[in-house]
Structure formats: structure tokens, C-alpha cells
């Protein structure tokens, strides 16, 4: 199963936060942002850091999508 971080980007827009702000505030690294953009699965520790920063739960930053058959 693949992961989509579109909910994260939607949440950032609604909170008026640019994705680079997560990097500048030390929440994630640039390489992690690249992984997010590629839809790679992030360790739960990283998901938790993002959620704490945005005051949300994990289901607000990602969704699982079916693999193409």
C-alpha cells in the first residue's frame, strides 16, 4: 500500500504554513521533505514530530492508497 501526503499539504495551506517552514523550524530535514514529495513512507517518529508541530493527528497528514494493479 502506498502513502499520499496530500492531506499534509492541504493542512499546511489551511494553516497558512509553507512546506519550507517545517524545515526552517527544524521539524523535518530537506531530505525528509523530498521523501514526502515522493510519497515514501515516513517513520512514525517523523510523523509524530509533524503532528505535534501542526497540532493534529496522523490521519490528518497522510492517507493510504491502493497500489496500482
Protein backbone atom coordinates (compact mmCIF):
# COMPACT_ATOMS: atom_id res chain seq x y z
CA UNK A 1 0.00 0.00 0.00
CA UNK A 2 1.32 3.44 -0.92
CA UNK A 3 1.06 6.66 1.04
CA UNK A 4 -0.21 10.06 -0.05
CA UNK A 5 0.76 13.17 1.86
CA UNK A 6 -1.78 15.36 0.09
CA UNK A 7 -3.66 15.75 3.39
CA UNK A 8 -0.47 17.24 4.88
CA UNK A 9 -0.18 19.79 2.10
CA UNK A 10 -3.89 20.63 2.41
CA UNK A 11 -3.45 21.13 6.15
CA UNK A 12 -0.43 23.36 5.60
CA UNK A 13 -2.45 25.52 3.20
CA UNK A 14 -5.35 25.78 5.66
CA UNK A 15 -2.92 26.83 8.42
CA UNK A 16 -1.10 29.21 6.06
CA UNK A 17 2.22 27.43 6.57
CA UNK A 18 4.66 26.93 3.72
CA UNK A 19 6.27 23.47 3.50
CA UNK A 20 9.73 25.05 3.84
CA UNK A 21 8.66 26.33 7.28
CA UNK A 22 8.76 22.73 8.54
CA UNK A 23 12.41 22.60 7.51
CA UNK A 24 13.29 26.05 8.82
CA UNK A 25 11.72 25.28 12.22
CA UNK A 26 13.67 22.02 12.48
CA UNK A 27 10.64 19.76 12.33
CA UNK A 28 11.96 17.79 9.34
CA UNK A 29 15.04 17.82 7.13
CA UNK A 30 15.21 18.69 3.45
CA UNK A 31 15.70 15.02 2.63
CA UNK A 32 12.54 14.15 4.55
CA UNK A 33 10.61 16.75 2.56
CA UNK A 34 11.87 15.07 -0.61
CA UNK A 35 10.65 11.71 0.73
CA UNK A 36 7.25 13.27 1.44
CA UNK A 37 7.09 14.69 -2.08
CA UNK A 38 7.89 11.23 -3.47
CA UNK A 39 5.20 9.62 -1.32
CA UNK A 40 7.65 7.46 0.60
CA UNK A 41 6.54 6.12 3.97
CA UNK A 42 7.97 8.06 6.92
CA UNK A 43 8.92 6.51 10.26
CA UNK A 44 6.31 7.03 12.98
CA UNK A 45 8.73 9.29 14.90
CA UNK A 46 8.79 11.73 11.98
CA UNK A 47 5.02 11.56 11.58
CA UNK A 48 4.69 12.31 15.29
CA UNK A 49 7.01 15.35 15.09
CA UNK A 50 4.96 16.77 12.22
CA UNK A 51 1.71 16.16 14.07
CA UNK A 52 2.99 17.80 17.25
CA UNK A 53 4.11 20.84 15.26
CA UNK A 54 0.77 21.13 13.45
CA UNK A 55 -1.36 20.08 16.45
CA UNK A 56 -3.08 17.31 14.52
CA UNK A 57 -3.24 13.52 14.31
CA UNK A 58 -1.55 11.24 11.79
CA UNK A 59 -4.75 10.73 9.79
CA UNK A 60 -4.72 14.46 9.02
CA UNK A 61 -1.32 14.31 7.31
CA UNK A 62 -1.43 11.10 5.27
CA UNK A 63 -3.71 8.57 3.67
CA UNK A 64 -3.05 5.10 2.39
CA UNK A 65 -3.80 4.50 -1.27
CA UNK A 66 -4.14 1.20 -3.09
CA UNK A 67 -1.23 0.09 -5.23
CA UNK A 68 -1.92 0.05 -8.95
CA UNK A 69 -2.62 -3.43 -10.27
